[in-house]
């Protein structure tokens, strides 16, 4: 079932970060959300998981429960000073089964170890997360998604500040999810990655610039229009409730 955005507007301090976006994500495939800095890409993901309340419009999850969505935020938003081991963090991917304060049983622990093996970090299970490099920590977060076993996976800049080998391995997991017909939606900044690994792209600059097959969307004209639109928003962004923008 496709995820549908219906005239979605989300604002910060009455200035729209996402402006009247409508469209349908490809079901069971991978879509990149692409655009200049400040284009509203991360804000859109947060609205989709219910972390931000729209000013207008809505997100239609078409039968997906928000508790069944695997969401990977940017690393900068995660507190790595918590006294938690790698295995414990991966095990939190089972919270929808055990509850936020429940114990992960033997079967759940086995799943967590298997996921760590899949991302190449089985020997790191008992290490504190604070001791990991950025690339290792991102592998752990992907292992948590594997354990969660969600049909809808949202990734916010998953390959940012990650080494090339880790990026290659994690893109392999994205390919696996595509083969399994899971829906993957990722905020990305590398057009080459998008063209190679994500068949569909939403190109945005607070509003939709283009949405469809990546080969058609990521052309020079659309990319130039995205940059120009983002610059216009930065200099002349309206206030929600004024200038014809819905509150």
Protein backbone atom coordinates (compact mmCIF):
# COMPACT_ATOMS: atom_id res chain seq x y z
CA UNK A 1 0.00 0.00 0.00
CA UNK A 2 1.38 3.38 -1.02
CA UNK A 3 2.11 6.23 1.38
CA UNK A 4 0.22 9.31 0.20
CA UNK A 5 0.85 12.97 1.06
CA UNK A 6 -2.27 15.10 0.81
CA UNK A 7 -1.57 18.84 0.47
CA UNK A 8 0.87 18.65 3.40
CA UNK A 9 2.17 21.84 4.99
CA UNK A 10 4.44 21.84 8.06
CA UNK A 11 5.91 24.99 9.56
CA UNK A 12 8.38 26.17 12.17
CA UNK A 13 7.42 29.40 13.94
CA UNK A 14 4.75 29.92 11.26
CA UNK A 15 7.26 29.71 8.39
CA UNK A 16 6.55 26.71 6.13
CA UNK A 17 9.32 24.12 5.91
CA UNK A 18 7.11 21.83 3.82
CA UNK A 19 4.60 23.61 1.61
CA UNK A 20 1.48 22.00 0.10
CA UNK A 21 3.13 18.72 -0.91
CA UNK A 22 0.95 16.07 -2.53
CA UNK A 23 2.00 12.78 -4.05
CA UNK A 24 2.33 9.03 -3.68
CA UNK A 25 5.46 7.08 -2.72
CA UNK A 26 6.24 3.93 -4.70
CA UNK A 27 5.07 0.92 -2.74
CA UNK A 28 7.57 -1.87 -2.18
CA UNK A 29 10.48 0.06 -3.69
CA UNK A 30 13.03 2.76 -2.82
CA UNK A 31 12.44 6.50 -3.12
CA UNK A 32 15.03 9.20 -2.43
CA UNK A 33 14.03 12.59 -1.05
CA UNK A 34 16.52 14.96 -2.63
CA UNK A 35 17.04 18.69 -2.64
CA UNK A 36 19.18 21.61 -1.44
CA UNK A 37 19.95 22.28 2.22
CA UNK A 38 16.92 23.72 3.99
CA UNK A 39 14.53 22.09 1.52
CA UNK A 40 12.38 20.51 4.24
CA UNK A 41 13.47 16.92 3.60
CA UNK A 42 14.02 15.90 7.23
CA UNK A 43 10.92 17.81 8.30
CA UNK A 44 8.89 15.77 5.84
CA UNK A 45 10.13 12.49 7.35
CA UNK A 46 9.29 13.68 10.86
CA UNK A 47 5.78 14.60 9.75
CA UNK A 48 5.38 11.13 8.26
CA UNK A 49 6.20 9.43 11.57
CA UNK A 50 3.95 11.80 13.52
CA UNK A 51 6.75 13.65 15.29
CA UNK A 52 5.54 16.95 13.79
CA UNK A 53 1.94 18.07 13.43
CA UNK A 54 0.98 19.43 10.00
CA UNK A 55 -0.46 22.93 9.69
CA UNK A 56 -2.66 21.60 6.93
CA UNK A 57 -3.14 18.45 4.91
CA UNK A 58 -2.25 14.98 6.16
CA UNK A 59 -0.19 11.82 5.64
CA UNK A 60 -2.17 8.74 4.60
CA UNK A 61 -0.25 5.65 5.75
CA UNK A 62 -2.77 3.37 4.02
CA UNK A 63 -2.97 0.76 6.74
CA UNK A 64 0.58 1.09 8.06
CA UNK A 65 0.62 1.79 11.79
CA UNK A 66 3.19 4.37 12.85
CA UNK A 67 4.46 1.87 15.43
CA UNK A 68 5.38 -0.42 12.51
CA UNK A 69 7.58 2.17 10.81
CA UNK A 70 11.36 1.86 11.15
CA UNK A 71 12.76 5.39 11.38
CA UNK A 72 16.48 6.20 11.36
CA UNK A 73 17.21 9.81 12.37
CA UNK A 74 20.43 11.65 11.65
CA UNK A 75 23.28 10.55 13.92
CA UNK A 76 23.57 14.06 15.35
CA UNK A 77 20.10 13.66 16.89
CA UNK A 78 21.07 10.53 18.87
CA UNK A 79 22.61 10.73 22.34
CA UNK A 80 25.57 8.35 22.18
CA UNK A 81 26.60 9.05 25.77
CA UNK A 82 23.93 6.66 27.06
CA UNK A 83 25.46 3.71 28.97
CA UNK A 84 24.09 1.17 26.52
CA UNK A 85 25.82 -1.76 24.81
CA UNK A 86 25.63 -2.43 21.09
CA UNK A 87 23.48 -5.52 21.69
CA UNK A 88 21.10 -3.64 23.98
CA UNK A 89 20.60 -0.89 21.41
CA UNK A 90 19.89 -3.37 18.62
CA UNK A 91 17.45 -5.15 20.94
CA UNK A 92 15.37 -1.99 21.26
CA UNK A 93 14.21 -2.71 17.72
CA UNK A 94 11.91 -5.28 19.33
CA UNK A 95 10.09 -2.74 21.50
CA UNK A 96 6.90 -3.13 19.45
CA UNK A 97 6.81 -6.75 20.65
CA UNK A 98 8.20 -6.47 24.18
CA UNK A 99 6.96 -2.95 25.03
CA UNK A 100 9.23 -0.01 25.87
CA UNK A 101 10.11 -1.47 29.27
CA UNK A 102 9.82 -5.17 28.45
CA UNK A 103 12.61 -7.70 28.45
CA UNK A 104 14.03 -9.04 25.22
CA UNK A 105 13.78 -12.84 25.47
CA UNK A 106 16.15 -15.48 24.20
CA UNK A 107 14.62 -15.49 20.71
CA UNK A 108 14.84 -11.71 20.51
CA UNK A 109 18.46 -11.73 21.63
CA UNK A 110 19.24 -14.32 18.96
CA UNK A 111 17.65 -12.06 16.34
CA UNK A 112 19.74 -9.12 17.55
CA UNK A 113 22.96 -11.15 17.33
CA UNK A 114 22.02 -12.37 13.86
CA UNK A 115 21.44 -8.77 12.75
CA UNK A 116 24.85 -7.76 14.10
CA UNK A 117 26.41 -10.60 12.15
CA UNK A 118 24.67 -9.35 9.03
CA UNK A 119 26.21 -5.88 9.42
CA UNK A 120 29.62 -7.29 10.35
CA UNK A 121 29.66 -6.33 14.03
CA UNK A 122 28.99 -9.56 15.90
CA UNK A 123 32.26 -9.13 17.84
CA UNK A 124 31.12 -5.68 19.02
CA UNK A 125 27.96 -6.86 20.79
CA UNK A 126 29.07 -6.02 24.32
CA UNK A 127 30.89 -2.78 23.55
CA UNK A 128 29.35 0.52 24.69
CA UNK A 129 27.90 2.51 21.83
CA UNK A 130 30.04 5.50 22.86
CA UNK A 131 33.15 3.54 21.81
CA UNK A 132 32.06 3.14 18.17
CA UNK A 133 33.15 5.10 15.14
CA UNK A 134 30.48 6.86 13.06
CA UNK A 135 30.51 4.08 10.50
CA UNK A 136 30.26 1.35 13.14
CA UNK A 137 27.43 3.15 14.88
CA UNK A 138 25.51 3.45 11.61
CA UNK A 139 25.91 -0.29 11.08
CA UNK A 140 24.42 -0.83 14.54
CA UNK A 141 21.45 1.40 13.69
CA UNK A 142 20.85 -0.58 10.50
CA UNK A 143 21.01 -3.79 12.55
CA UNK A 144 18.28 -2.34 14.75
CA UNK A 145 16.13 -1.84 11.64
CA UNK A 146 16.76 -5.45 10.62
CA UNK A 147 15.51 -6.61 14.02
CA UNK A 148 12.45 -4.39 13.81
CA UNK A 149 11.44 -6.11 10.55
CA UNK A 150 9.26 -3.19 9.41
CA UNK A 151 7.60 -2.95 6.01
CA UNK A 152 8.11 0.83 5.86
CA UNK A 153 11.65 2.14 6.42
CA UNK A 154 12.47 5.86 6.66
CA UNK A 155 16.14 6.91 6.63
CA UNK A 156 17.38 10.45 7.27
CA UNK A 157 20.80 11.01 5.66
CA UNK A 158 21.88 7.41 6.37
CA UNK A 159 25.25 7.67 4.58
CA UNK A 160 26.32 11.10 5.82
CA UNK A 161 29.85 11.13 7.34
CA UNK A 162 30.15 7.36 6.83
CA UNK A 163 33.16 5.67 5.21
CA UNK A 164 32.94 4.27 1.70
CA UNK A 165 33.02 0.58 2.73
CA UNK A 166 30.22 1.05 5.26
CA UNK A 167 28.17 2.97 2.70
CA UNK A 168 28.60 0.14 0.19
CA UNK A 169 27.55 -2.47 2.75
CA UNK A 170 24.52 -0.50 3.93
CA UNK A 171 23.42 0.13 0.35
CA UNK A 172 23.50 -3.65 0.04
CA UNK A 173 20.88 -3.81 2.80
CA UNK A 174 18.75 -1.27 0.94
CA UNK A 175 18.96 -3.55 -2.10
CA UNK A 176 17.90 -6.48 0.09
CA UNK A 177 14.89 -4.54 1.36
CA UNK A 178 13.92 -3.75 -2.22
CA UNK A 179 14.07 -7.45 -3.11
CA UNK A 180 11.84 -8.11 -0.11
CA UNK A 181 9.37 -5.50 -1.46
CA UNK A 182 9.71 -3.24 1.56
CA UNK A 183 9.08 0.47 1.07
CA UNK A 184 12.25 2.51 1.67
CA UNK A 185 12.22 6.31 1.76
CA UNK A 186 15.56 8.03 2.33
CA UNK A 187 16.80 11.61 2.55
CA UNK A 188 19.97 11.73 0.46
CA UNK A 189 22.48 14.31 -0.81
CA UNK A 190 24.47 12.29 -3.35
CA UNK A 191 22.85 12.28 -6.79
CA UNK A 192 25.08 9.41 -7.95
CA UNK A 193 23.83 7.23 -5.08
CA UNK A 194 20.27 8.13 -5.91
CA UNK A 195 20.61 7.29 -9.59
CA UNK A 196 22.36 3.98 -8.85
CA UNK A 197 20.26 2.66 -5.97
CA UNK A 198 16.92 4.51 -5.74
CA UNK A 199 14.58 4.08 -8.71
CA UNK A 200 12.31 6.96 -7.63
CA UNK A 201 12.99 10.48 -6.41
CA UNK A 202 11.02 13.26 -4.77
CA UNK A 203 12.97 16.41 -5.61
CA UNK A 204 11.86 19.20 -3.31
CA UNK A 205 12.68 22.70 -2.16
CA UNK A 206 10.00 23.03 0.53
CA UNK A 207 7.56 22.34 -2.32
CA UNK A 208 7.60 19.62 -4.96
CA UNK A 209 9.93 20.35 -7.87
CA UNK A 210 9.54 16.94 -9.50
CA UNK A 211 8.49 13.44 -8.40
CA UNK A 212 8.87 10.23 -10.36
CA UNK A 213 11.54 7.98 -11.81
CA UNK A 214 14.98 9.17 -10.76
CA UNK A 215 16.38 9.20 -14.29
CA UNK A 216 13.67 11.65 -15.35
CA UNK A 217 13.60 13.76 -12.18
CA UNK A 218 17.32 14.40 -11.71
CA UNK A 219 17.97 16.43 -14.83
CA UNK A 220 19.84 19.74 -14.96
CA UNK A 221 16.72 21.87 -15.38
CA UNK A 222 14.98 20.38 -12.35
CA UNK A 223 18.11 20.57 -10.19
CA UNK A 224 18.63 24.21 -11.16
CA UNK A 225 14.98 24.98 -10.40
CA UNK A 226 15.32 23.34 -6.98
CA UNK A 227 18.30 25.54 -6.10
CA UNK A 228 16.52 28.69 -7.33
CA UNK A 229 13.32 27.82 -5.46
CA UNK A 230 15.22 27.14 -2.22
CA UNK A 231 16.97 30.50 -2.52
CA UNK A 232 13.62 32.22 -3.08
CA UNK A 233 12.15 30.57 0.01
CA UNK A 234 15.12 31.66 2.10
CA UNK A 235 14.72 35.28 1.10
CA UNK A 236 10.93 35.61 0.81
CA UNK A 237 9.32 32.74 2.74
CA UNK A 238 5.73 33.65 3.65
CA UNK A 239 4.26 33.26 7.11
CA UNK A 240 1.59 30.57 7.55
CA UNK A 241 -1.79 32.23 7.69
CA UNK A 242 -0.57 35.14 5.56
CA UNK A 243 0.20 35.64 1.87
CA UNK A 244 -2.21 32.89 0.90
CA UNK A 245 -0.47 30.20 2.94
CA UNK A 246 -2.85 28.01 4.92
CA UNK A 247 -2.50 27.97 8.67
